[in-house]
Amino acid sequence: MRPAGPFRAPTQIAFESARSGSLDVFVMNPDGSNEINVTHSPLDETDPSFSPDGRRIAFASDRGGYLAREIEVIGIDGLGRRRLTHNTVDDSAPAWSPDGRRFAFVSGRDGNDEIYVMNADGGHQVNLTHNRAQDTEPAWSPDGKSIVFTSDRAGGGLKEIYVMAADGSHVRRLTRNDVNDSWPAWSPDGRWIAFSREIGGIDALFVMRADGTGARRLTDTLENEEHPAWSPDSSQIAFSRGHGGNAAIWTIRPNGRGQAVLTTLETGECCASWGPLRPSAGRATAYR
């Protein structure tokens, strides 16, 4: 673990890591410094999602006494932990809406994975997808009007990326390939979607326009690259690179330049979520 940095970073990155023996939620500065364990649990805590105000993190928990994974929230100081879902099947992958009032999340309560939304206090849980396919990995558009997600509903066992209105209507397919596309993440400027595409048996990092056109690969490695997450100024993408439990968090600019590794332990580190810019922070130049 790197020592604490000498400055107050303009933003933070939440991520999951198994360095403590089980998966816990950590936060760090965007340069990889000042890594702090937030959850400190003997069981797995995964899928972190920063609140828009940067004060809380939502995550999926497999705490003792739970019959399945549940969604909880916690302050970034590790205090104020609160459970939001109560089910006998997994609830996971919480994604905070841009206004902080709702979550999109994945639930298996209807016999298969569906995209749900609920209020930020856990109330009013509603199924948006109503499909026999596996619908997963929701991410909000920056205006909160749409949700992008992954689904195998087209058949053939392949995952593609779709977008729908925030009420579940107007579902539209964005990718059409004979390989798996997954882990979509909308840029805060609304112009781009980062995602993973299966190339030669590995997941490679791509970006495309928000309408699904202009897909381009950002890297050329032989390792899986998954779970992209945009910086709040759209100038960088954090992602997980590695194989199995030997993955680390990296960053890259959306033009494919400036790759940097943030974590070096490679203990199943995954699922980055970028917090908001603090008011005093400057704005970097975004990819055009």
Protein backbone atom coordinates (compact mmCIF):
# COMPACT_ATOMS: atom_id res chain seq x y z
CA MET A 1 0.00 0.00 0.00
CA ARG A 2 1.38 3.40 -0.94
CA PRO A 3 1.81 6.09 1.72
CA ALA A 4 -0.72 8.90 2.03
CA GLY A 5 -0.18 11.70 -0.46
CA PRO A 6 0.89 15.15 0.71
CA PHE A 7 -2.07 16.93 -0.87
CA ARG A 8 -5.86 16.83 -0.89
CA ALA A 9 -6.67 15.25 -4.22
CA PRO A 10 -9.26 16.95 -6.46
CA THR A 11 -11.20 13.68 -6.64
CA GLN A 12 -10.96 10.04 -5.50
CA ILE A 13 -11.38 6.60 -7.02
CA ALA A 14 -13.25 3.81 -5.25
CA PHE A 15 -12.36 0.21 -6.13
CA GLU A 16 -12.56 -3.32 -4.77
CA SER A 17 -9.54 -5.36 -3.69
CA ALA A 18 -8.89 -8.75 -2.05
CA ARG A 19 -5.64 -7.60 -0.43
CA SER A 20 -7.13 -8.03 3.06
CA GLY A 21 -8.16 -11.64 2.39
CA SER A 22 -11.70 -10.89 1.25
CA LEU A 23 -12.97 -8.30 -1.21
CA ASP A 24 -13.26 -4.88 0.41
CA VAL A 25 -14.06 -1.41 -0.91
CA PHE A 26 -11.09 0.98 -0.94
CA VAL A 27 -10.61 4.60 -1.99
CA MET A 28 -7.46 6.23 -3.35
CA ASN A 29 -6.24 9.40 -5.00
CA PRO A 30 -6.20 9.47 -8.82
CA ASP A 31 -2.43 8.90 -8.80
CA GLY A 32 -2.80 5.72 -6.70
CA SER A 33 -1.67 7.28 -3.42
CA ASN A 34 -3.48 7.31 -0.07
CA GLU A 35 -5.23 3.93 -0.38
CA ILE A 36 -7.78 3.47 2.42
CA ASN A 37 -9.94 0.44 3.27
CA VAL A 38 -13.51 1.68 3.74
CA THR A 39 -15.49 -1.47 4.53
CA HIS A 40 -13.18 -3.75 6.60
CA SER A 41 -15.32 -6.88 6.23
CA PRO A 42 -14.38 -10.58 6.54
CA LEU A 43 -16.79 -11.29 3.67
CA ASP A 44 -16.92 -9.86 0.16
CA GLU A 45 -17.97 -6.24 -0.50
CA THR A 46 -17.96 -5.41 -4.22
CA ASP A 47 -19.24 -3.14 -7.01
CA PRO A 48 -18.50 0.28 -5.46
CA SER A 49 -20.33 3.34 -6.80
CA PHE A 50 -19.49 6.87 -5.62
CA SER A 51 -22.39 9.19 -4.81
CA PRO A 52 -22.56 12.36 -6.94
CA ASP A 53 -21.66 14.49 -3.91
CA GLY A 54 -18.61 12.31 -3.14
CA ARG A 55 -19.65 11.65 0.45
CA ARG A 56 -20.91 8.06 0.20
CA ILE A 57 -20.29 4.81 -1.64
CA ALA A 58 -22.89 2.23 -2.59
CA PHE A 59 -21.77 -1.39 -2.92
CA ALA A 60 -22.92 -5.02 -2.90
CA SER A 61 -22.34 -6.89 0.36
CA ASP A 62 -22.14 -10.56 1.28
CA ARG A 63 -22.09 -9.93 5.03
CA GLY A 64 -22.71 -12.72 7.52
CA GLY A 65 -26.42 -13.32 8.08
CA TYR A 66 -27.39 -12.28 4.56
CA LEU A 67 -29.02 -14.95 2.37
CA ALA A 68 -27.58 -13.32 -0.76
CA ARG A 69 -25.69 -10.20 -1.80
CA GLU A 70 -27.46 -7.01 -0.77
CA ILE A 71 -26.91 -3.35 -1.60
CA GLU A 72 -25.62 -1.06 1.12
CA VAL A 73 -24.27 2.48 1.39
CA ILE A 74 -21.46 3.75 3.59
CA GLY A 75 -19.70 7.06 4.16
CA ILE A 76 -16.23 7.38 2.66
CA ASP A 77 -14.99 7.57 6.27
CA GLY A 78 -16.38 4.05 6.86
CA LEU A 79 -19.26 5.30 9.03
CA GLY A 80 -23.04 5.40 8.56
CA ARG A 81 -23.37 1.98 6.96
CA ARG A 82 -26.94 1.24 5.87
CA ARG A 83 -28.62 -1.70 4.09
CA LEU A 84 -31.00 -0.85 1.21
CA THR A 85 -32.24 -4.21 -0.14
CA HIS A 86 -33.62 -7.29 1.64
CA ASN A 87 -33.92 -10.32 -0.64
CA THR A 88 -33.10 -14.02 -0.84
CA VAL A 89 -31.34 -13.60 -4.22
CA ASP A 90 -28.46 -11.37 -5.29
CA ASP A 91 -28.85 -7.61 -5.64
CA SER A 92 -25.68 -6.06 -7.05
CA ALA A 93 -24.00 -3.50 -9.33
CA PRO A 94 -25.55 -0.34 -7.85
CA ALA A 95 -25.19 2.76 -10.03
CA TRP A 96 -26.04 6.12 -8.50
CA SER A 97 -28.13 8.46 -10.67
CA PRO A 98 -26.48 11.81 -11.48
CA ASP A 99 -28.85 13.70 -9.17
CA GLY A 100 -28.20 11.27 -6.31
CA ARG A 101 -31.88 10.45 -5.84
CA ARG A 102 -31.97 6.91 -7.28
CA PHE A 103 -29.97 3.79 -7.97
CA ALA A 104 -30.03 1.48 -10.95
CA PHE A 105 -29.01 -2.04 -9.95
CA VAL A 106 -29.14 -5.70 -10.94
CA SER A 107 -31.42 -8.20 -9.20
CA GLY A 108 -32.13 -11.89 -9.75
CA ARG A 109 -35.39 -11.81 -7.79
CA ASP A 110 -37.49 -12.63 -10.88
CA GLY A 111 -35.50 -15.75 -11.77
CA ASN A 112 -32.97 -14.03 -14.02
CA ASP A 113 -30.90 -10.86 -13.90
CA GLU A 114 -32.95 -7.71 -14.52
CA ILE A 115 -32.23 -3.97 -14.25
CA TYR A 116 -34.10 -2.32 -11.40
CA VAL A 117 -34.25 1.20 -10.03
CA MET A 118 -34.95 2.32 -6.47
CA ASN A 119 -34.90 5.49 -4.46
CA ALA A 120 -31.67 6.39 -2.68
CA ASP A 121 -33.22 5.26 0.63
CA GLY A 122 -34.05 1.82 -0.81
CA GLY A 123 -37.72 2.53 -1.40
CA HIS A 124 -39.86 2.07 -4.52
CA GLN A 125 -37.92 -0.77 -6.20
CA VAL A 126 -39.09 -1.20 -9.81
CA ASN A 127 -38.11 -3.68 -12.54
CA LEU A 128 -37.26 -1.79 -15.74
CA THR A 129 -36.37 -4.57 -18.17
CA HIS A 130 -38.96 -7.38 -17.80
CA ASN A 131 -37.04 -9.71 -20.12
CA ARG A 132 -36.11 -13.38 -19.87
CA ALA A 133 -32.56 -12.55 -20.90
CA GLN A 134 -29.73 -11.58 -18.57
CA ASP A 135 -29.74 -7.78 -18.27
CA THR A 136 -26.78 -6.45 -16.27
CA GLU A 137 -24.18 -3.69 -15.80
CA PRO A 138 -26.35 -0.54 -15.75
CA ALA A 139 -24.83 2.93 -16.09
CA TRP A 140 -26.62 6.29 -16.25
CA SER A 141 -26.32 8.95 -18.89
CA PRO A 142 -24.99 12.21 -17.40
CA ASP A 143 -28.39 13.91 -17.75
CA GLY A 144 -30.11 11.05 -15.91
CA LYS A 145 -32.58 10.45 -18.76
CA SER A 146 -31.15 7.15 -20.01
CA ILE A 147 -29.50 3.96 -18.77
CA VAL A 148 -27.00 1.96 -20.80
CA PHE A 149 -26.67 -1.76 -19.99
CA THR A 150 -25.50 -5.16 -21.17
CA SER A 151 -27.90 -7.90 -22.34
CA ASP A 152 -27.84 -11.26 -24.12
CA ARG A 153 -31.44 -10.79 -25.33
CA ALA A 154 -30.41 -10.88 -29.01
CA GLY A 155 -29.72 -14.61 -28.67
CA GLY A 156 -26.73 -16.74 -29.50
CA GLY A 157 -25.37 -16.40 -25.98
CA LEU A 158 -23.62 -13.14 -26.84
CA LYS A 159 -23.73 -9.96 -24.79
CA GLU A 160 -24.46 -6.66 -26.51
CA ILE A 161 -24.86 -3.10 -25.26
CA TYR A 162 -28.29 -1.45 -25.14
CA VAL A 163 -29.70 1.85 -23.97
CA MET A 164 -33.16 2.63 -22.59
CA ALA A 165 -35.02 5.55 -21.10
CA ALA A 166 -34.73 5.83 -17.32
CA ASP A 167 -38.28 4.45 -16.99
CA GLY A 168 -37.42 1.31 -19.01
CA SER A 169 -39.05 2.44 -22.27
CA HIS A 170 -37.51 2.97 -25.71
CA VAL A 171 -34.92 0.17 -25.55
CA ARG A 172 -32.37 0.48 -28.34
CA ARG A 173 -29.45 -1.76 -29.27
CA LEU A 174 -26.08 0.01 -29.66
CA THR A 175 -23.69 -2.80 -30.65
CA ARG A 176 -24.10 -5.62 -33.17
CA ASN A 177 -21.22 -8.06 -33.17
CA ASP A 178 -20.37 -11.74 -33.18
CA VAL A 179 -18.38 -11.21 -29.96
CA ASN A 180 -19.29 -10.08 -26.44
CA ASP A 181 -19.58 -6.38 -25.65
CA SER A 182 -19.92 -5.48 -21.97
CA TRP A 183 -19.24 -3.06 -19.08
CA PRO A 184 -20.57 0.16 -20.68
CA ALA A 185 -19.73 3.47 -19.00
CA TRP A 186 -21.06 6.83 -20.18
CA SER A 187 -18.67 9.80 -20.23
CA PRO A 188 -19.72 12.77 -18.07
CA ASP A 189 -19.71 15.04 -21.14
CA GLY A 190 -22.33 12.72 -22.69
CA ARG A 191 -20.44 12.08 -25.91
CA TRP A 192 -18.78 8.70 -25.40
CA ILE A 193 -19.33 5.23 -23.99
CA ALA A 194 -16.35 3.18 -22.85
CA PHE A 195 -16.80 -0.60 -22.86
CA SER A 196 -15.07 -3.96 -23.16
CA ARG A 197 -15.15 -6.00 -26.37
CA GLU A 198 -14.01 -9.60 -26.63
CA ILE A 199 -11.10 -9.84 -29.05
CA GLY A 200 -9.26 -13.13 -29.46
CA GLY A 201 -10.62 -14.48 -26.19
CA ILE A 202 -9.76 -11.44 -24.05
CA ASP A 203 -11.77 -8.34 -23.11
CA ALA A 204 -10.20 -5.25 -24.70
CA LEU A 205 -10.94 -1.62 -23.85
CA PHE A 206 -12.94 0.36 -26.43
CA VAL A 207 -14.78 3.66 -26.74
CA MET A 208 -17.66 4.51 -29.05
CA ARG A 209 -19.93 7.49 -29.58
CA ALA A 210 -23.02 7.55 -27.40
CA ASP A 211 -25.14 6.52 -30.41
CA GLY A 212 -23.09 3.32 -30.85
CA THR A 213 -21.04 4.45 -33.84
CA GLY A 214 -17.30 4.97 -34.23
CA ALA A 215 -16.08 2.17 -31.96
CA ARG A 216 -12.30 2.15 -31.56
CA ARG A 217 -9.89 0.11 -29.50
CA LEU A 218 -7.70 2.01 -27.03
CA THR A 219 -5.08 -0.59 -26.12
CA ASP A 220 -3.13 -3.51 -27.53
CA THR A 221 -2.46 -5.99 -24.73
CA LEU A 222 -3.05 -9.67 -24.05
CA GLU A 223 -4.76 -9.07 -20.71
CA ASN A 224 -8.43 -8.60 -19.87
CA GLU A 225 -9.51 -4.95 -19.58
CA GLU A 226 -12.85 -4.49 -17.87
CA HIS A 227 -15.04 -2.21 -15.75
CA PRO A 228 -14.15 1.18 -17.28
CA ALA A 229 -15.03 4.32 -15.29
CA TRP A 230 -14.67 7.92 -16.48
CA SER A 231 -13.05 10.73 -14.56
CA PRO A 232 -15.52 13.56 -13.76
CA ASP A 233 -14.01 15.80 -16.46
CA SER A 234 -14.07 13.02 -19.13
CA SER A 235 -10.28 13.28 -19.53
CA GLN A 236 -9.37 9.79 -18.23
CA ILE A 237 -10.76 6.27 -17.95
CA ALA A 238 -9.95 4.01 -15.02
CA PHE A 239 -10.21 0.27 -15.70
CA SER A 240 -9.13 -3.13 -14.44
CA ARG A 241 -6.37 -4.98 -16.31
CA GLY A 242 -5.20 -8.52 -15.64
CA HIS A 243 -6.28 -12.14 -15.46
CA GLY A 244 -8.48 -13.64 -12.76
CA GLY A 245 -7.35 -12.63 -9.30
CA ASN A 246 -4.22 -10.90 -10.67
CA ALA A 247 -5.76 -7.61 -11.79
CA ALA A 248 -4.76 -4.00 -11.09
CA ILE A 249 -6.39 -0.60 -11.63
CA TRP A 250 -5.03 1.43 -14.54
CA THR A 251 -5.91 4.77 -16.13
CA ILE A 252 -5.75 5.87 -19.76
CA ARG A 253 -6.77 8.92 -21.76
CA PRO A 254 -9.69 8.37 -24.17
CA ASN A 255 -7.33 8.74 -27.13
CA GLY A 256 -5.36 5.68 -25.96
CA ARG A 257 -2.38 7.61 -24.62
CA GLY A 258 -1.03 8.11 -21.14
CA GLN A 259 -1.52 4.66 -19.64
CA ALA A 260 -0.61 4.46 -15.95
CA VAL A 261 -0.94 1.72 -13.34
CA LEU A 262 -2.39 2.93 -10.02
CA THR A 263 -2.31 -0.24 -7.91
CA THR A 264 0.52 -2.75 -7.84
CA LEU A 265 -0.63 -5.55 -5.53
CA GLU A 266 -2.77 -7.19 -8.24
CA THR A 267 -5.04 -8.85 -5.70
CA GLY A 268 -8.27 -8.99 -7.66
CA GLU A 269 -8.50 -5.20 -7.93
CA CYS A 270 -11.47 -4.16 -9.96
CA CYS A 271 -14.55 -2.08 -10.52
CA ALA A 272 -13.31 1.51 -10.22
CA SER A 273 -15.77 4.33 -9.58
CA TRP A 274 -14.62 7.92 -9.86
CA GLY A 275 -15.84 10.49 -7.35
CA PRO A 276 -16.82 14.05 -8.34
CA LEU A 277 -14.41 16.93 -8.75
CA ARG A 278 -14.19 19.11 -5.70
CA PRO A 279 -15.28 22.73 -6.37
CA SER A 280 -11.73 24.11 -6.18
CA ALA A 281 -10.32 21.56 -8.63
CA GLY A 282 -9.39 22.56 -12.15
CA ARG A 283 -10.77 20.92 -15.27
CA ALA A 284 -8.58 18.90 -17.60
CA THR A 285 -8.99 18.95 -21.34
CA ALA A 286 -11.42 16.22 -22.46
CA TYR A 287 -11.01 14.00 -25.53
CA ARG A 288 -12.72 15.31 -28.65
